[in-house]
PDB file of N, CA and C in Angstrom:
ATOM      1  N   UNK A   1       0.852  -1.173   0.000  1.00  0.00           N
ATOM      2  CA  UNK A   1       0.000   0.000   0.000  1.00  0.00           C
ATOM      3  C   UNK A   1       0.899   1.239   0.000  1.00  0.00           C
ATOM      4  N   UNK A   2       0.618   2.174  -0.880  1.00  0.00           N
ATOM      5  CA  UNK A   2       1.418   3.400  -0.940  1.00  0.00           C
ATOM      6  C   UNK A   2       1.095   4.307   0.247  1.00  0.00           C
ATOM      7  N   UNK A   3       1.977   5.273   0.505  1.00  0.00           N
ATOM      8  CA  UNK A   3       1.730   6.242   1.575  1.00  0.00           C
ATOM      9  C   UNK A   3       0.438   7.011   1.332  1.00  0.00           C
ATOM     10  N   UNK A   4       0.162   7.377   0.076  1.00  0.00           N
ATOM     11  CA  UNK A   4      -1.076   8.106  -0.228  1.00  0.00           C
ATOM     12  C   UNK A   4      -2.299   7.257   0.079  1.00  0.00           C
ATOM     13  N   UNK A   5      -2.264   5.983  -0.309  1.00  0.00           N
ATOM     14  CA  UNK A   5      -3.386   5.086  -0.022  1.00  0.00           C
ATOM     15  C   UNK A   5      -3.560   4.891   1.481  1.00  0.00           C
ATOM     16  N   UNK A   6      -2.457   4.739   2.206  1.00  0.00           N
ATOM     17  CA  UNK A   6      -2.511   4.590   3.661  1.00  0.00           C
ATOM     18  C   UNK A   6      -3.114   5.839   4.305  1.00  0.00           C
ATOM     19  N   UNK A   7      -2.657   7.014   3.876  1.00  0.00           N
ATOM     20  CA  UNK A   7      -3.164   8.262   4.439  1.00  0.00           C
ATOM     21  C   UNK A   7      -4.659   8.429   4.173  1.00  0.00           C
ATOM     22  N   UNK A   8      -5.077   8.109   2.946  1.00  0.00           N
ATOM     23  CA  UNK A   8      -6.499   8.189   2.619  1.00  0.00           C
ATOM     24  C   UNK A   8      -7.312   7.234   3.494  1.00  0.00           C
ATOM     25  N   UNK A   9      -6.849   6.008   3.622  1.00  0.00           N
ATOM     26  CA  UNK A   9      -7.561   5.013   4.430  1.00  0.00           C
ATOM     27  C   UNK A   9      -7.638   5.441   5.892  1.00  0.00           C
ATOM     28  N   UNK A  10      -6.554   5.980   6.441  1.00  0.00           N
ATOM     29  CA  UNK A  10      -6.551   6.429   7.841  1.00  0.00           C
ATOM     30  C   UNK A  10      -7.553   7.549   8.071  1.00  0.00           C
ATOM     31  N   UNK A  11      -7.623   8.505   7.157  1.00  0.00           N
ATOM     32  CA  UNK A  11      -8.554   9.625   7.307  1.00  0.00           C
ATOM     33  C   UNK A  11      -9.998   9.132   7.199  1.00  0.00           C
ATOM     34  N   UNK A  12     -10.290   8.255   6.260  1.00  0.00           N
ATOM     35  CA  UNK A  12     -11.650   7.733   6.107  1.00  0.00           C
ATOM     36  C   UNK A  12     -12.061   6.963   7.361  1.00  0.00           C
ATOM     37  N   UNK A  13     -11.190   6.111   7.890  1.00  0.00           N
ATOM     38  CA  UNK A  13     -11.508   5.360   9.114  1.00  0.00           C
ATOM     39  C   UNK A  13     -11.769   6.319  10.269  1.00  0.00           C
ATOM     40  N   UNK A  14     -10.933   7.340  10.425  1.00  0.00           N
ATOM     41  CA  UNK A  14     -11.127   8.334  11.481  1.00  0.00           C
ATOM     42  C   UNK A  14     -12.477   9.029  11.342  1.00  0.00           C
ATOM     43  N   UNK A  15     -12.796   9.487  10.144  1.00  0.00           N
ATOM     44  CA  UNK A  15     -14.045  10.206   9.903  1.00  0.00           C
ATOM     45  C   UNK A  15     -15.257   9.324  10.159  1.00  0.00           C
ATOM     46  N   UNK A  16     -15.224   8.107   9.620  1.00  0.00           N
ATOM     47  CA  UNK A  16     -16.334   7.173   9.836  1.00  0.00           C
ATOM     48  C   UNK A  16     -16.529   6.895  11.328  1.00  0.00           C
ATOM     49  N   UNK A  17     -15.434   6.696  12.026  1.00  0.00           N
ATOM     50  CA  UNK A  17     -15.510   6.390  13.463  1.00  0.00           C
ATOM     51  C   UNK A  17     -16.044   7.587  14.246  1.00  0.00           C
ATOM     52  N   UNK A  18     -15.537   8.775  13.961  1.00  0.00           N
ATOM     53  CA  UNK A  18     -15.938   9.953  14.724  1.00  0.00           C
ATOM     54  C   UNK A  18     -17.376  10.353  14.423  1.00  0.00           C
ATOM     55  N   UNK A  19     -17.737  10.437  13.144  1.00  0.00           N
ATOM     56  CA  UNK A  19     -19.062  10.942  12.795  1.00  0.00           C
ATOM     57  C   UNK A  19     -20.115   9.842  12.725  1.00  0.00           C
ATOM     58  N   UNK A  20     -19.906   8.829  11.919  1.00  0.00           N
ATOM     59  CA  UNK A  20     -20.951   7.841  11.679  1.00  0.00           C
ATOM     60  C   UNK A  20     -21.089   6.828  12.803  1.00  0.00           C
ATOM     61  N   UNK A  21     -19.986   6.505  13.486  1.00  0.00           N
ATOM     62  CA  UNK A  21     -20.058   5.597  14.633  1.00  0.00           C
ATOM     63  C   UNK A  21     -20.210   6.350  15.944  1.00  0.00           C
ATOM     64  N   UNK A  22     -20.111   7.694  15.893  1.00  0.00           N
ATOM     65  CA  UNK A  22     -20.211   8.558  17.083  1.00  0.00           C
ATOM     66  C   UNK A  22     -19.266   8.101  18.187  1.00  0.00           C
ATOM     67  N   UNK A  23     -18.035   7.782  17.815  1.00  0.00           N
ATOM     68  CA  UNK A  23     -17.055   7.270  18.770  1.00  0.00           C
ATOM     69  C   UNK A  23     -15.765   8.070  18.623  1.00  0.00           C
ATOM     70  N   UNK A  24     -15.314   8.763  19.596  1.00  0.00           N
ATOM     71  CA  UNK A  24     -15.887   8.885  20.941  1.00  0.00           C
ATOM     72  C   UNK A  24     -16.610  10.202  21.174  1.00  0.00           C
ATOM     73  N   UNK A  25     -16.373  11.242  20.350  1.00  0.00           N
ATOM     74  CA  UNK A  25     -16.766  12.572  20.830  1.00  0.00           C
ATOM     75  C   UNK A  25     -18.079  13.100  20.321  1.00  0.00           C
ATOM     76  N   UNK A  26     -18.615  12.599  19.223  1.00  0.00           N
ATOM     77  CA  UNK A  26     -19.819  13.202  18.643  1.00  0.00           C
ATOM     78  C   UNK A  26     -21.125  12.668  19.245  1.00  0.00           C
ATOM     79  N   UNK A  27     -21.107  11.515  19.903  1.00  0.00           N
ATOM     80  CA  UNK A  27     -22.341  10.881  20.366  1.00  0.00           C
ATOM     81  C   UNK A  27     -23.124  11.763  21.329  1.00  0.00           C
ATOM     82  N   UNK A  28     -22.449  12.404  22.272  1.00  0.00           N
ATOM     83  CA  UNK A  28     -23.140  13.230  23.247  1.00  0.00           C
ATOM     84  C   UNK A  28     -23.662  14.524  22.663  1.00  0.00           C
ATOM     85  N   UNK A  29     -22.893  15.129  21.786  1.00  0.00           N
ATOM     86  CA  UNK A  29     -23.260  16.432  21.241  1.00  0.00           C
ATOM     87  C   UNK A  29     -24.254  16.351  20.086  1.00  0.00           C
ATOM     88  N   UNK A  30     -24.074  15.391  19.208  1.00  0.00           N
ATOM     89  CA  UNK A  30     -24.881  15.304  17.993  1.00  0.00           C
ATOM     90  C   UNK A  30     -25.293  13.862  17.706  1.00  0.00           C
ATOM     91  N   UNK A  31     -26.126  13.250  18.556  1.00  0.00           N
ATOM     92  CA  UNK A  31     -26.549  11.874  18.260  1.00  0.00           C
ATOM     93  C   UNK A  31     -27.331  11.839  16.946  1.00  0.00           C
ATOM     94  N   UNK A  32     -27.009  10.887  16.118  1.00  0.00           N
ATOM     95  CA  UNK A  32     -27.683  10.747  14.829  1.00  0.00           C
ATOM     96  C   UNK A  32     -27.044  11.515  13.689  1.00  0.00           C
ATOM     97  N   UNK A  33     -25.983  12.259  13.955  1.00  0.00           N
ATOM     98  CA  UNK A  33     -25.291  12.989  12.896  1.00  0.00           C
ATOM     99  C   UNK A  33     -24.604  11.995  11.977  1.00  0.00           C
ATOM    100  N   UNK A  34     -24.711  12.243  10.654  1.00  0.00           N
ATOM    101  CA  UNK A  34     -24.133  11.324   9.665  1.00  0.00           C
ATOM    102  C   UNK A  34     -23.354  12.113   8.629  1.00  0.00           C
ATOM    103  N   UNK A  35     -22.337  11.480   8.084  1.00  0.00           N
ATOM    104  CA  UNK A  35     -21.535  12.090   7.032  1.00  0.00           C
ATOM    105  C   UNK A  35     -21.398  11.090   5.891  1.00  0.00           C
ATOM    106  N   UNK A  36     -21.696  11.547   4.675  1.00  0.00           N
ATOM    107  CA  UNK A  36     -21.472  10.750   3.470  1.00  0.00           C
ATOM    108  C   UNK A  36     -20.243  11.308   2.784  1.00  0.00           C
ATOM    109  N   UNK A  37     -19.206  10.498   2.703  1.00  0.00           N
ATOM    110  CA  UNK A  37     -17.974  10.916   2.036  1.00  0.00           C
ATOM    111  C   UNK A  37     -18.169  10.756   0.533  1.00  0.00           C
ATOM    112  N   UNK A  38     -18.050  11.852  -0.188  1.00  0.00           N
ATOM    113  CA  UNK A  38     -18.254  11.844  -1.643  1.00  0.00           C
ATOM    114  C   UNK A  38     -16.948  11.669  -2.404  1.00  0.00           C
ATOM    115  N   UNK A  39     -15.857  12.272  -1.889  1.00  0.00           N
ATOM    116  CA  UNK A  39     -14.558  12.190  -2.547  1.00  0.00           C
ATOM    117  C   UNK A  39     -13.446  12.174  -1.512  1.00  0.00           C
ATOM    118  N   UNK A  40     -12.371  11.453  -1.830  1.00  0.00           N
ATOM    119  CA  UNK A  40     -11.149  11.462  -1.021  1.00  0.00           C
ATOM    120  C   UNK A  40     -10.004  11.717  -1.988  1.00  0.00           C
ATOM    121  N   UNK A  41      -9.263  12.785  -1.734  1.00  0.00           N
ATOM    122  CA  UNK A  41      -8.172  13.189  -2.619  1.00  0.00           C
ATOM    123  C   UNK A  41      -6.907  13.295  -1.781  1.00  0.00           C
ATOM    124  N   UNK A  42      -5.814  12.743  -2.267  1.00  0.00           N
ATOM    125  CA  UNK A  42      -4.549  12.813  -1.528  1.00  0.00           C
ATOM    126  C   UNK A  42      -3.442  13.275  -2.451  1.00  0.00           C
ATOM    127  N   UNK A  43      -2.577  14.115  -1.894  1.00  0.00           N
ATOM    128  CA  UNK A  43      -1.382  14.570  -2.598  1.00  0.00           C
ATOM    129  C   UNK A  43      -0.330  14.899  -1.550  1.00  0.00           C
ATOM    130  N   UNK A  44       0.848  14.344  -1.715  1.00  0.00           N
ATOM    131  CA  UNK A  44       1.905  14.589  -0.734  1.00  0.00           C
ATOM    132  C   UNK A  44       1.453  14.163   0.656  1.00  0.00           C
ATOM    133  N   UNK A  45       1.552  15.079   1.625  1.00  0.00           N
ATOM    134  CA  UNK A  45       1.152  14.753   2.993  1.00  0.00           C
ATOM    135  C   UNK A  45      -0.250  15.247   3.326  1.00  0.00           C
ATOM    136  N   UNK A  46      -1.037  15.609   2.290  1.00  0.00           N
ATOM    137  CA  UNK A  46      -2.382  16.143   2.492  1.00  0.00           C
ATOM    138  C   UNK A  46      -3.448  15.166   2.021  1.00  0.00           C
ATOM    139  N   UNK A  47      -4.554  15.098   2.778  1.00  0.00           N
ATOM    140  CA  UNK A  47      -5.729  14.327   2.380  1.00  0.00           C
ATOM    141  C   UNK A  47      -6.930  15.261   2.496  1.00  0.00           C
ATOM    142  N   UNK A  48      -7.768  15.270   1.458  1.00  0.00           N
ATOM    143  CA  UNK A  48      -8.943  16.129   1.417  1.00  0.00           C
ATOM    144  C   UNK A  48     -10.190  15.256   1.291  1.00  0.00           C
ATOM    145  N   UNK A  49     -11.187  15.523   2.145  1.00  0.00           N
ATOM    146  CA  UNK A  49     -12.478  14.855   2.059  1.00  0.00           C
ATOM    147  C   UNK A  49     -13.523  15.866   1.603  1.00  0.00           C
ATOM    148  N   UNK A  50     -14.368  15.459   0.672  1.00  0.00           N
ATOM    149  CA  UNK A  50     -15.517  16.246   0.237  1.00  0.00           C
ATOM    150  C   UNK A  50     -16.735  15.482   0.732  1.00  0.00           C
ATOM    151  N   UNK A  51     -17.512  16.085   1.634  1.00  0.00           N
ATOM    152  CA  UNK A  51     -18.543  15.342   2.354  1.00  0.00           C
ATOM    153  C   UNK A  51     -19.895  16.040   2.353  1.00  0.00           C
ATOM    154  N   UNK A  52     -20.937  15.235   2.473  1.00  0.00           N
ATOM    155  CA  UNK A  52     -22.300  15.706   2.722  1.00  0.00           C
ATOM    156  C   UNK A  52     -22.597  15.394   4.180  1.00  0.00           C
ATOM    157  N   UNK A  53     -22.791  16.435   4.976  1.00  0.00           N
ATOM    158  CA  UNK A  53     -23.009  16.269   6.413  1.00  0.00           C
ATOM    159  C   UNK A  53     -24.487  16.461   6.732  1.00  0.00           C
ATOM    160  N   UNK A  54     -25.051  15.476   7.447  1.00  0.00           N
ATOM    161  CA  UNK A  54     -26.459  15.496   7.850  1.00  0.00           C
ATOM    162  C   UNK A  54     -26.508  15.729   9.360  1.00  0.00           C
ATOM    163  N   UNK A  55     -26.982  16.902   9.777  1.00  0.00           N
ATOM    164  CA  UNK A  55     -27.039  17.240  11.202  1.00  0.00           C
ATOM    165  C   UNK A  55     -28.471  17.093  11.691  1.00  0.00           C
ATOM    166  N   UNK A  56     -28.718  16.242  12.702  1.00  0.00           N
ATOM    167  CA  UNK A  56     -30.077  16.020  13.190  1.00  0.00           C
ATOM    168  C   UNK A  56     -30.686  17.311  13.735  1.00  0.00           C
ATOM    169  N   UNK A  57     -31.910  17.579  13.304  1.00  0.00           N
ATOM    170  CA  UNK A  57     -32.600  18.766  13.775  1.00  0.00           C
ATOM    171  C   UNK A  57     -32.060  20.057  13.198  1.00  0.00           C
ATOM    172  N   UNK A  58     -31.159  19.971  12.248  1.00  0.00           N
ATOM    173  CA  UNK A  58     -30.558  21.166  11.664  1.00  0.00           C
ATOM    174  C   UNK A  58     -30.454  21.051  10.161  1.00  0.00           C
ATOM    175  N   UNK A  59     -29.632  21.895   9.596  1.00  0.00           N
ATOM    176  CA  UNK A  59     -29.459  21.913   8.154  1.00  0.00           C
ATOM    177  C   UNK A  59     -28.358  20.938   7.726  1.00  0.00           C
ATOM    178  N   UNK A  60     -28.418  20.528   6.464  1.00  0.00           N
ATOM    179  CA  UNK A  60     -27.354  19.727   5.884  1.00  0.00           C
ATOM    180  C   UNK A  60     -26.276  20.667   5.344  1.00  0.00           C
ATOM    181  N   UNK A  61     -25.038  20.169   5.309  1.00  0.00           N
ATOM    182  CA  UNK A  61     -23.900  20.965   4.863  1.00  0.00           C
ATOM    183  C   UNK A  61     -23.090  20.210   3.827  1.00  0.00           C
ATOM    184  N   UNK A  62     -22.492  20.955   2.919  1.00  0.00           N
ATOM    185  CA  UNK A  62     -21.420  20.446   2.076  1.00  0.00           C
ATOM    186  C   UNK A  62     -20.136  20.857   2.778  1.00  0.00           C
ATOM    187  N   UNK A  63     -19.220  19.922   2.932  1.00  0.00           N
ATOM    188  CA  UNK A  63     -18.001  20.230   3.669  1.00  0.00           C
ATOM    189  C   UNK A  63     -16.752  19.743   2.978  1.00  0.00           C
ATOM    190  N   UNK A  64     -15.679  20.466   3.232  1.00  0.00           N
ATOM    191  CA  UNK A  64     -14.340  20.073   2.811  1.00  0.00           C
ATOM    192  C   UNK A  64     -13.483  20.021   4.064  1.00  0.00           C
ATOM    193  N   UNK A  65     -12.858  18.889   4.312  1.00  0.00           N
ATOM    194  CA  UNK A  65     -11.908  18.741   5.420  1.00  0.00           C
ATOM    195  C   UNK A  65     -10.544  18.435   4.835  1.00  0.00           C
ATOM    196  N   UNK A  66      -9.544  19.146   5.305  1.00  0.00           N
ATOM    197  CA  UNK A  66      -8.167  18.967   4.836  1.00  0.00           C
ATOM    198  C   UNK A  66      -7.321  18.516   6.016  1.00  0.00           C
ATOM    199  N   UNK A  67      -6.624  17.402   5.859  1.00  0.00           N
ATOM    200  CA  UNK A  67      -5.765  16.856   6.905  1.00  0.00           C
ATOM    201  C   UNK A  67      -4.325  16.821   6.419  1.00  0.00           C
ATOM    202  N   UNK A  68      -3.413  17.278   7.254  1.00  0.00           N
ATOM    203  CA  UNK A  68      -1.985  17.103   6.977  1.00  0.00           C
ATOM    204  C   UNK A  68      -1.517  15.925   7.812  1.00  0.00           C
ATOM    205  N   UNK A  69      -0.756  15.013   7.192  1.00  0.00           N
ATOM    206  CA  UNK A  69      -0.302  13.778   7.826  1.00  0.00           C
ATOM    207  C   UNK A  69       1.208  13.823   8.027  1.00  0.00           C
ATOM    208  N   UNK A  70       1.675  13.157   9.093  1.00  0.00           N
ATOM    209  CA  UNK A  70       3.122  13.052   9.293  1.00  0.00           C
ATOM    210  C   UNK A  70       3.646  11.798   8.601  1.00  0.00           C
ATOM    211  N   UNK A  71       4.930  11.505   8.752  1.00  0.00           N
ATOM    212  CA  UNK A  71       5.533  10.351   8.068  1.00  0.00           C
ATOM    213  C   UNK A  71       4.941   9.017   8.501  1.00  0.00           C
ATOM    214  N   UNK A  72       4.338   8.967   9.695  1.00  0.00           N
ATOM    215  CA  UNK A  72       3.703   7.741  10.183  1.00  0.00           C
ATOM    216  C   UNK A  72       2.233   7.653   9.789  1.00  0.00           C
ATOM    217  N   UNK A  73       1.724   8.679   9.076  1.00  0.00           N
ATOM    218  CA  UNK A  73       0.325   8.660   8.642  1.00  0.00           C
ATOM    219  C   UNK A  73      -0.646   9.264   9.630  1.00  0.00           C
ATOM    220  N   UNK A  74      -0.137   9.864  10.713  1.00  0.00           N
ATOM    221  CA  UNK A  74      -1.015  10.468  11.736  1.00  0.00           C
ATOM    222  C   UNK A  74      -1.394  11.891  11.346  1.00  0.00           C
ATOM    223  N   UNK A  75      -2.605  12.302  11.715  1.00  0.00           N
ATOM    224  CA  UNK A  75      -3.047  13.673  11.448  1.00  0.00           C
ATOM    225  C   UNK A  75      -2.296  14.634  12.361  1.00  0.00           C
ATOM    226  N   UNK A  76      -1.671  15.642  11.769  1.00  0.00           N
ATOM    227  CA  UNK A  76      -0.949  16.654  12.545  1.00  0.00           C
ATOM    228  C   UNK A  76      -1.452  18.062  12.224  1.00  0.00           C
ATOM    229  N   UNK A  77      -2.452  18.163  11.362  1.00  0.00           N
ATOM    230  CA  UNK A  77      -3.064  19.437  11.033  1.00  0.00           C
ATOM    231  C   UNK A  77      -4.426  19.204  10.422  1.00  0.00           C
ATOM    232  N   UNK A  78      -5.357  20.145  10.651  1.00  0.00           N
ATOM    233  CA  UNK A  78      -6.712  20.000  10.122  1.00  0.00           C
ATOM    234  C   UNK A  78      -7.308  21.373   9.853  1.00  0.00           C
ATOM    235  N   UNK A  79      -7.963  21.500   8.696  1.00  0.00           N
ATOM    236  CA  UNK A  79      -8.704  22.694   8.327  1.00  0.00           C
ATOM    237  C   UNK A  79     -10.006  22.231   7.695  1.00  0.00           C
ATOM    238  N   UNK A  80     -11.073  23.053   7.825  1.00  0.00           N
ATOM    239  CA  UNK A  80     -12.318  22.695   7.157  1.00  0.00           C
ATOM    240  C   UNK A  80     -13.089  23.932   6.750  1.00  0.00           C
ATOM    241  N   UNK A  81     -13.985  23.729   5.805  1.00  0.00           N
ATOM    242  CA  UNK A  81     -14.946  24.743   5.386  1.00  0.00           C
ATOM    243  C   UNK A  81     -16.289  24.048   5.230  1.00  0.00           C
ATOM    244  N   UNK A  82     -17.350  24.754   5.606  1.00  0.00           N
ATOM    245  CA  UNK A  82     -18.703  24.217   5.512  1.00  0.00           C
ATOM    246  C   UNK A  82     -19.600  25.221   4.815  1.00  0.00           C
ATOM    247  N   UNK A  83     -20.572  24.701   4.083  1.00  0.00           N
ATOM    248  CA  UNK A  83     -21.581  25.540   3.454  1.00  0.00           C
ATOM    249  C   UNK A  83     -22.929  24.870   3.622  1.00  0.00           C
ATOM    250  N   UNK A  84     -23.909  25.631   4.087  1.00  0.00           N
ATOM    251  CA  UNK A  84     -25.265  25.104   4.187  1.00  0.00           C
ATOM    252  C   UNK A  84     -25.729  24.697   2.794  1.00  0.00           C
ATOM    253  N   UNK A  85     -26.338  23.532   2.713  1.00  0.00           N
ATOM    254  CA  UNK A  85     -26.863  23.059   1.430  1.00  0.00           C
ATOM    255  C   UNK A  85     -28.016  23.967   1.018  1.00  0.00           C
ATOM    256  N   UNK A  86     -27.961  24.560  -0.164  1.00  0.00           N
ATOM    257  CA  UNK A  86     -29.043  25.446  -0.597  1.00  0.00           C
ATOM    258  C   UNK A  86     -30.300  24.647  -0.937  1.00  0.00           C
ATOM    259  N   UNK A  87     -31.437  25.271  -0.748  1.00  0.00           N
ATOM    260  CA  UNK A  87     -32.691  24.599  -1.112  1.00  0.00           C
ATOM    261  C   UNK A  87     -32.929  24.665  -2.611  1.00  0.00           C
ATOM    262  N   UNK A  88     -32.378  25.699  -3.269  1.00  0.00           N
ATOM    263  CA  UNK A  88     -32.460  25.818  -4.719  1.00  0.00           C
ATOM    264  C   UNK A  88     -31.087  26.194  -5.249  1.00  0.00           C
ATOM    265  N   UNK A  89     -30.800  25.755  -6.461  1.00  0.00           N
ATOM    266  CA  UNK A  89     -29.519  26.058  -7.078  1.00  0.00           C
ATOM    267  C   UNK A  89     -29.718  26.907  -8.322  1.00  0.00           C
ATOM    268  N   UNK A  90     -28.764  27.776  -8.589  1.00  0.00           N
ATOM    269  CA  UNK A  90     -28.813  28.614  -9.781  1.00  0.00           C
ATOM    270  C   UNK A  90     -28.449  27.837 -11.044  1.00  0.00           C
ATOM    271  N   UNK A  91     -27.935  26.611 -10.873  1.00  0.00           N
ATOM    272  CA  UNK A  91     -27.553  25.784 -12.018  1.00  0.00           C
ATOM    273  C   UNK A  91     -27.759  24.310 -11.647  1.00  0.00           C
ATOM    274  N   UNK A  92     -27.671  23.395 -12.603  1.00  0.00           N
ATOM    275  CA  UNK A  92     -27.929  21.981 -12.330  1.00  0.00           C
ATOM    276  C   UNK A  92     -26.710  21.224 -11.784  1.00  0.00           C
ATOM    277  N   UNK A  93     -25.615  21.894 -11.487  1.00  0.00           N
ATOM    278  CA  UNK A  93     -24.388  21.205 -11.106  1.00  0.00           C
ATOM    279  C   UNK A  93     -24.457  20.538  -9.744  1.00  0.00           C
ATOM    280  N   UNK A  94     -25.151  21.091  -8.798  1.00  0.00           N
ATOM    281  CA  UNK A  94     -25.243  20.509  -7.458  1.00  0.00           C
ATOM    282  C   UNK A  94     -23.971  20.736  -6.660  1.00  0.00           C
ATOM    283  N   UNK A  95     -23.994  20.314  -5.411  1.00  0.00           N
ATOM    284  CA  UNK A  95     -22.870  20.507  -4.500  1.00  0.00           C
ATOM    285  C   UNK A  95     -21.835  19.400  -4.614  1.00  0.00           C
ATOM    286  N   UNK A  96     -22.212  18.264  -5.183  1.00  0.00           N
ATOM    287  CA  UNK A  96     -21.311  17.127  -5.222  1.00  0.00           C
ATOM    288  C   UNK A  96     -21.135  16.620  -6.637  1.00  0.00           C
TER     289      UNK A  96
END
């Protein structure tokens, strides 16, 4: 497995565990919150997730999470941006 594949797999496992399995930190704050990962992109020491986030009792979001990984594949940096999913779009392209 290449370093890029390992980094992508580590980030996906982390995201699935934190959001979809609610383990350990999201269960108390946002029970029922779900994330659908639409894309995983890796280059160098960076991994980017493009996600559809479903927040219970709230709005859905399109999100981008960027993780910087160290030589062992561990996350050592994180940035994100979120946008509320619009109810109507000006074009047929969609968020994903």
